[in-house]
Structure formats: C-alpha cells, structure tokens
C-alpha cells in the first residue's frame, strides 16, 4: 500500500521542475521582461505622482513595486498549469499517475516546484527593483514580505493546478488563465490605490484575495498598508488553504488516457 506522503517522490518532482526551469534561460528573462518595464515606465513616468493614501515620503515607484512583485508571483505560479498540460500531452503525466505514489505526493511535488520557481522570479525582481530605487524598510519587513510571497505563490500554483486539471487544451488554458489573472491583478490595487476606484469596484477589490497579498507586501517592504497585518495574513491564508484543497481534489480526479 502506497504511503500518503512520499518525500522522495516530492523531491524528484521538485528537482525536475528546477532543472527544467534553470535550463530555459529565455523563460527566466521573459518572466521579468514585462514586470521590469512596468516598474521602469510607471515608476519613472509617475515619479512625481503621490498617492493620497500613503505618506508623502513614499514615491510612486516604491508604492507600485510591491504590487508588481505580486504580479510576478501570480504569473510565475500559474504557469505550473501549462507544465501539467505539457506533461499530459507528452505522456509523462500518465507515467507518474500510474507509479506507486499517492496523488497527494504528486500535488505536493508540483506545488513545491512551482512555488520555488515563482519565488526565484520574485527575488530576481526585488533585486532589479532595489537597483532602480526601491527602499526596503527593515529586515523584519523582508521576513514579513517573504511570508506573503510564499502564500501568494502557493495559492496561485494550486489555482493553475486546479484549472489545468479540468482542461486538455493548452491554448484554451492560456485564454482562461488570462481571463482570470488580469481582473485579479487589476483589482488588487497593485498599480493604483483602490480608494480611487468607484465604490462598486472597491467592493470587488476587497473580495480579491491578491489585494491582501499586495497590502501585506507593501507593509513588509515599505511599511505602508491599508488593513492590519493580521487581517491581510488571515485572508490570504484562508484563500491559500482553500486553493490547496481544491487543487489537490481536482488533480486527484484527473483521468489520463
């Protein structure tokens, strides 16, 4: 009888994701292309813009950098879903599904690999943002930001996993992913303060789980947030737990031909 949690299987799947990611240099560069230009053009183009809800000593570049970091994590994490579809198309998914390993171990290995690559992209972006002009408040704040980075990555890895478990077509997955990702990051307050939105849009923002991730990242990196840290953390943790459960359940129902 196979164990529920197989550490060796988790490690092997994680290592496979790492090797595949590090060998694809274009993927590393491409994953930072759009966020870098967002930061460069928005941060410098709106240099004199001061969001009314933040202290006057926080410029727009420092305001927007944590939000773009959240977008980097979101995009990098959900790419795990495409990897699942590739593996299904080329037969690797069928091989690991019939192996004497529980599907929970497969999900955990996939989640660990997707989270690690997303976090790696996040750290690369922080390095670029720091070079451009990001001012980090404290080491304690960096630890807080790291906790939120882990929760964001884990949440959206499993969202991508859940979506890919229901689909077989990679083109269709890309369309669905963009349909979900774009509203989530636009409503998260990553680029502009939500106070500038109409009331009905603001209500949607408060439903958006990424909003609490962005708010927590801002608290950690620049010391500014709309809600208390415990509320941001609790809301994102609940969403993360829900997505882990949903992703594991839907993946356990995957039928490979």
Protein backbone atom coordinates (compact mmCIF):
# COMPACT_ATOMS: atom_id res chain seq x y z
CA UNK A 1 0.00 0.00 0.00
CA UNK A 2 1.49 3.32 -1.02
CA UNK A 3 2.24 5.97 1.55
CA UNK A 4 0.13 9.11 1.57
CA UNK A 5 3.21 11.33 1.67
CA UNK A 6 6.28 10.15 -0.24
CA UNK A 7 9.19 12.52 0.41
CA UNK A 8 11.35 11.02 -2.33
CA UNK A 9 8.63 11.47 -4.95
CA UNK A 10 8.08 15.07 -3.85
CA UNK A 11 11.81 15.76 -4.10
CA UNK A 12 12.13 14.16 -7.54
CA UNK A 13 9.23 16.19 -8.96
CA UNK A 14 10.60 19.36 -7.37
CA UNK A 15 14.07 18.69 -8.77
CA UNK A 16 12.64 18.07 -12.24
CA UNK A 17 10.89 21.43 -12.17
CA UNK A 18 14.10 23.16 -11.04
CA UNK A 19 16.19 21.61 -13.80
CA UNK A 20 13.60 22.39 -16.45
CA UNK A 21 13.32 25.99 -15.27
CA UNK A 22 17.06 26.68 -14.96
CA UNK A 23 17.74 25.20 -18.40
CA UNK A 24 15.21 27.55 -20.00
CA UNK A 25 17.16 30.82 -19.83
CA UNK A 26 14.64 32.55 -22.10
CA UNK A 27 11.89 31.74 -19.60
CA UNK A 28 13.84 33.41 -16.79
CA UNK A 29 14.49 36.54 -18.85
CA UNK A 30 10.97 36.60 -20.30
CA UNK A 31 9.33 36.29 -16.89
CA UNK A 32 10.99 39.54 -15.80
CA UNK A 33 10.51 41.46 -19.05
CA UNK A 34 7.00 42.81 -18.55
CA UNK A 35 7.37 43.48 -14.77
CA UNK A 36 10.64 45.34 -15.40
CA UNK A 37 9.06 47.62 -17.99
CA UNK A 38 6.04 48.13 -15.74
CA UNK A 39 8.38 49.23 -12.97
CA UNK A 40 10.63 51.30 -15.21
CA UNK A 41 7.98 53.22 -17.13
CA UNK A 42 5.31 53.51 -14.45
CA UNK A 43 7.81 54.14 -11.66
CA UNK A 44 9.72 56.81 -13.53
CA UNK A 45 6.84 58.18 -15.60
CA UNK A 46 4.73 58.78 -12.49
CA UNK A 47 7.73 59.78 -10.38
CA UNK A 48 6.06 62.93 -9.09
CA UNK A 49 2.71 61.24 -8.51
CA UNK A 50 1.89 60.86 -4.81
CA UNK A 51 -0.98 58.53 -3.93
CA UNK A 52 -3.13 60.42 -1.44
CA UNK A 53 -3.49 57.49 0.95
CA UNK A 54 0.22 56.94 1.62
CA UNK A 55 2.80 59.07 3.45
CA UNK A 56 4.32 61.88 1.37
CA UNK A 57 7.81 60.37 1.61
CA UNK A 58 6.68 57.27 -0.35
CA UNK A 59 7.02 57.90 -4.07
CA UNK A 60 5.08 56.04 -6.74
CA UNK A 61 7.95 53.70 -7.60
CA UNK A 62 8.05 52.39 -4.03
CA UNK A 63 4.26 52.23 -3.93
CA UNK A 64 3.96 50.20 -7.13
CA UNK A 65 6.98 47.86 -6.67
CA UNK A 66 5.27 45.52 -4.13
CA UNK A 67 2.24 45.34 -6.40
CA UNK A 68 4.31 44.36 -9.41
CA UNK A 69 6.11 41.80 -7.24
CA UNK A 70 2.71 40.24 -6.51
CA UNK A 71 2.02 40.11 -10.26
CA UNK A 72 5.37 38.39 -10.87
CA UNK A 73 4.49 35.76 -8.27
CA UNK A 74 0.97 35.32 -9.64
CA UNK A 75 2.12 34.87 -13.24
CA UNK A 76 5.04 32.62 -12.37
CA UNK A 77 2.91 30.41 -10.15
CA UNK A 78 0.05 29.87 -12.58
CA UNK A 79 2.50 28.76 -15.29
CA UNK A 80 2.59 25.45 -13.40
CA UNK A 81 -0.73 24.66 -15.03
CA UNK A 82 0.80 24.79 -18.52
CA UNK A 83 3.52 22.39 -17.38
CA UNK A 84 0.80 19.93 -16.33
CA UNK A 85 -0.78 20.12 -19.79
CA UNK A 86 2.59 19.62 -21.48
CA UNK A 87 3.23 16.55 -19.34
CA UNK A 88 -0.22 15.21 -20.20
CA UNK A 89 0.34 15.73 -23.90
CA UNK A 90 3.75 14.00 -23.96
CA UNK A 91 2.80 11.14 -21.67
CA UNK A 92 4.85 12.00 -18.57
CA UNK A 93 1.73 12.70 -16.52
CA UNK A 94 0.39 9.23 -17.25
CA UNK A 95 3.67 7.68 -16.15
CA UNK A 96 3.68 9.38 -12.75
CA UNK A 97 -0.05 8.77 -12.26
CA UNK A 98 0.39 5.01 -12.58
CA UNK A 99 3.50 4.98 -10.37
CA UNK A 100 3.12 3.54 -6.83
CA UNK A 101 2.95 7.06 -5.38
CA UNK A 102 -0.08 8.82 -3.95
CA UNK A 103 -1.51 11.71 -5.92
CA UNK A 104 -1.13 13.90 -2.84
CA UNK A 105 2.64 13.44 -3.13
CA UNK A 106 2.45 14.37 -6.82
CA UNK A 107 0.47 17.51 -5.99
CA UNK A 108 2.95 18.46 -3.25
CA UNK A 109 5.90 17.94 -5.59
CA UNK A 110 4.29 20.05 -8.30
CA UNK A 111 3.35 22.71 -5.76
CA UNK A 112 6.87 22.84 -4.32
CA UNK A 113 8.41 23.15 -7.79
CA UNK A 114 6.00 25.85 -8.92
CA UNK A 115 6.42 27.82 -5.69
CA UNK A 116 10.21 27.68 -5.87
CA UNK A 117 10.37 28.95 -9.45
CA UNK A 118 7.86 31.72 -8.67
CA UNK A 119 9.79 32.77 -5.55
CA UNK A 120 13.03 32.76 -7.54
CA UNK A 121 11.45 35.13 -10.06
CA UNK A 122 10.21 37.26 -7.16
CA UNK A 123 13.70 37.56 -5.66
CA UNK A 124 15.13 38.47 -9.05
CA UNK A 125 12.52 41.20 -9.38
CA UNK A 126 13.30 42.55 -5.89
CA UNK A 127 16.95 42.79 -6.91
CA UNK A 128 16.02 44.74 -10.05
CA UNK A 129 13.61 46.97 -8.11
CA UNK A 130 16.23 47.65 -5.43
CA UNK A 131 18.66 48.70 -8.15
CA UNK A 132 16.05 51.01 -9.73
CA UNK A 133 15.21 52.71 -6.43
CA UNK A 134 13.14 50.51 -4.09
CA UNK A 135 13.78 51.39 -0.43
CA UNK A 136 13.24 48.47 1.94
CA UNK A 137 12.22 49.48 5.45
CA UNK A 138 13.78 46.75 7.61
CA UNK A 139 14.96 43.15 7.78
CA UNK A 140 11.84 42.29 9.79
CA UNK A 141 9.76 43.70 6.97
CA UNK A 142 11.60 41.49 4.48
CA UNK A 143 10.67 38.42 6.57
CA UNK A 144 7.02 39.56 6.58
CA UNK A 145 7.15 40.08 2.81
CA UNK A 146 8.67 36.61 2.38
CA UNK A 147 5.73 35.04 4.25
CA UNK A 148 3.29 36.78 1.92
CA UNK A 149 5.33 35.77 -1.12
CA UNK A 150 5.10 32.12 -0.07
CA UNK A 151 1.34 32.35 0.45
CA UNK A 152 0.76 34.09 -2.90
CA UNK A 153 2.91 31.55 -4.74
CA UNK A 154 1.24 28.58 -3.05
CA UNK A 155 -2.25 29.95 -3.73
CA UNK A 156 -1.78 30.58 -7.43
CA UNK A 157 0.24 27.44 -8.10
CA UNK A 158 -2.76 25.48 -6.90
CA UNK A 159 -5.16 27.71 -8.85
CA UNK A 160 -3.20 26.89 -12.01
CA UNK A 161 -3.17 23.24 -11.00
CA UNK A 162 -6.95 23.25 -10.48
CA UNK A 163 -7.62 24.87 -13.87
CA UNK A 164 -5.26 22.54 -15.74
CA UNK A 165 -6.91 19.53 -14.09
CA UNK A 166 -10.15 20.48 -15.82
CA UNK A 167 -8.66 21.17 -19.26
CA UNK A 168 -6.74 19.38 -22.00
CA UNK A 169 -6.09 22.20 -24.47
CA UNK A 170 -3.08 24.49 -23.87
CA UNK A 171 -4.50 27.33 -25.97
CA UNK A 172 -7.72 27.16 -24.01
CA UNK A 173 -5.79 27.17 -20.75
CA UNK A 174 -3.92 30.33 -21.77
CA UNK A 175 -7.19 32.11 -22.56
CA UNK A 176 -8.82 31.03 -19.31
CA UNK A 177 -5.70 31.93 -17.34
CA UNK A 178 -5.59 35.45 -18.79
CA UNK A 179 -9.33 35.83 -18.23
CA UNK A 180 -8.77 35.08 -14.54
CA UNK A 181 -5.36 36.69 -13.99
CA UNK A 182 -5.97 40.11 -15.49
CA UNK A 183 -9.04 41.05 -13.37
CA UNK A 184 -7.34 39.68 -10.25
CA UNK A 185 -4.26 41.87 -10.57
CA UNK A 186 -6.19 44.94 -11.80
CA UNK A 187 -8.50 44.75 -8.77
CA UNK A 188 -5.65 44.07 -6.33
CA UNK A 189 -4.57 47.69 -6.05
CA UNK A 190 -1.15 46.73 -7.38
CA UNK A 191 -0.86 49.78 -9.65
CA UNK A 192 -3.21 52.33 -8.10
CA UNK A 193 -4.78 52.89 -4.67
CA UNK A 194 -8.21 51.26 -4.50
CA UNK A 195 -9.57 54.43 -2.88
CA UNK A 196 -9.53 56.00 -6.34
CA UNK A 197 -11.92 53.34 -7.67
CA UNK A 198 -15.72 53.68 -7.67
CA UNK A 199 -17.42 52.10 -4.67
CA UNK A 200 -18.61 49.01 -6.56
CA UNK A 201 -15.11 48.37 -7.91
CA UNK A 202 -13.71 48.85 -4.40
CA UNK A 203 -16.06 46.12 -3.13
CA UNK A 204 -14.73 43.77 -5.81
CA UNK A 205 -11.19 44.64 -4.76
CA UNK A 206 -11.92 43.62 -1.18
CA UNK A 207 -13.14 40.25 -2.48
CA UNK A 208 -9.94 39.80 -4.50
CA UNK A 209 -7.50 37.62 -2.48
CA UNK A 210 -4.48 39.14 -4.21
CA UNK A 211 -5.47 42.52 -2.74
CA UNK A 212 -4.50 41.24 0.71
CA UNK A 213 -1.25 39.85 -0.65
CA UNK A 214 -0.33 43.21 -2.18
CA UNK A 215 -1.31 45.02 1.03
CA UNK A 216 0.86 42.66 3.09
CA UNK A 217 3.81 43.04 0.72
CA UNK A 218 3.54 46.82 0.96
CA UNK A 219 3.59 46.60 4.74
CA UNK A 220 6.68 44.41 4.67
CA UNK A 221 8.66 46.30 2.03
CA UNK A 222 7.71 49.96 2.53
CA UNK A 223 5.86 49.95 5.87
CA UNK A 224 2.50 51.07 4.45
CA UNK A 225 -0.77 49.12 4.37
CA UNK A 226 -4.49 49.75 4.25
CA UNK A 227 -5.54 46.96 6.61
CA UNK A 228 -3.88 45.49 9.72
CA UNK A 229 -1.23 42.90 9.01
CA UNK A 230 -3.15 40.13 10.80
CA UNK A 231 -6.19 40.68 8.56
CA UNK A 232 -4.13 40.58 5.36
CA UNK A 233 -2.38 37.42 6.53
CA UNK A 234 -5.58 35.69 7.65
CA UNK A 235 -7.47 36.40 4.43
CA UNK A 236 -4.60 35.23 2.23
CA UNK A 237 -4.02 32.15 4.40
CA UNK A 238 -7.70 31.16 4.07
CA UNK A 239 -7.56 31.55 0.31
CA UNK A 240 -4.31 29.56 0.17
CA UNK A 241 -5.80 26.71 2.24
CA UNK A 242 -8.89 26.65 0.02
CA UNK A 243 -6.85 26.55 -3.18
CA UNK A 244 -4.55 23.80 -1.88
CA UNK A 245 -7.61 21.70 -1.04
CA UNK A 246 -9.31 22.44 -4.36
CA UNK A 247 -6.17 21.83 -6.41
CA UNK A 248 -5.49 18.52 -4.65
CA UNK A 249 -9.10 17.38 -5.06
CA UNK A 250 -9.37 18.22 -8.77
CA UNK A 251 -5.95 16.76 -9.54
CA UNK A 252 -6.92 13.54 -7.78
CA UNK A 253 -9.82 13.25 -10.24
CA UNK A 254 -7.68 13.68 -13.35
CA UNK A 255 -8.19 10.90 -15.88
CA UNK A 256 -5.16 10.21 -18.07
CA UNK A 257 -5.72 8.19 -21.25
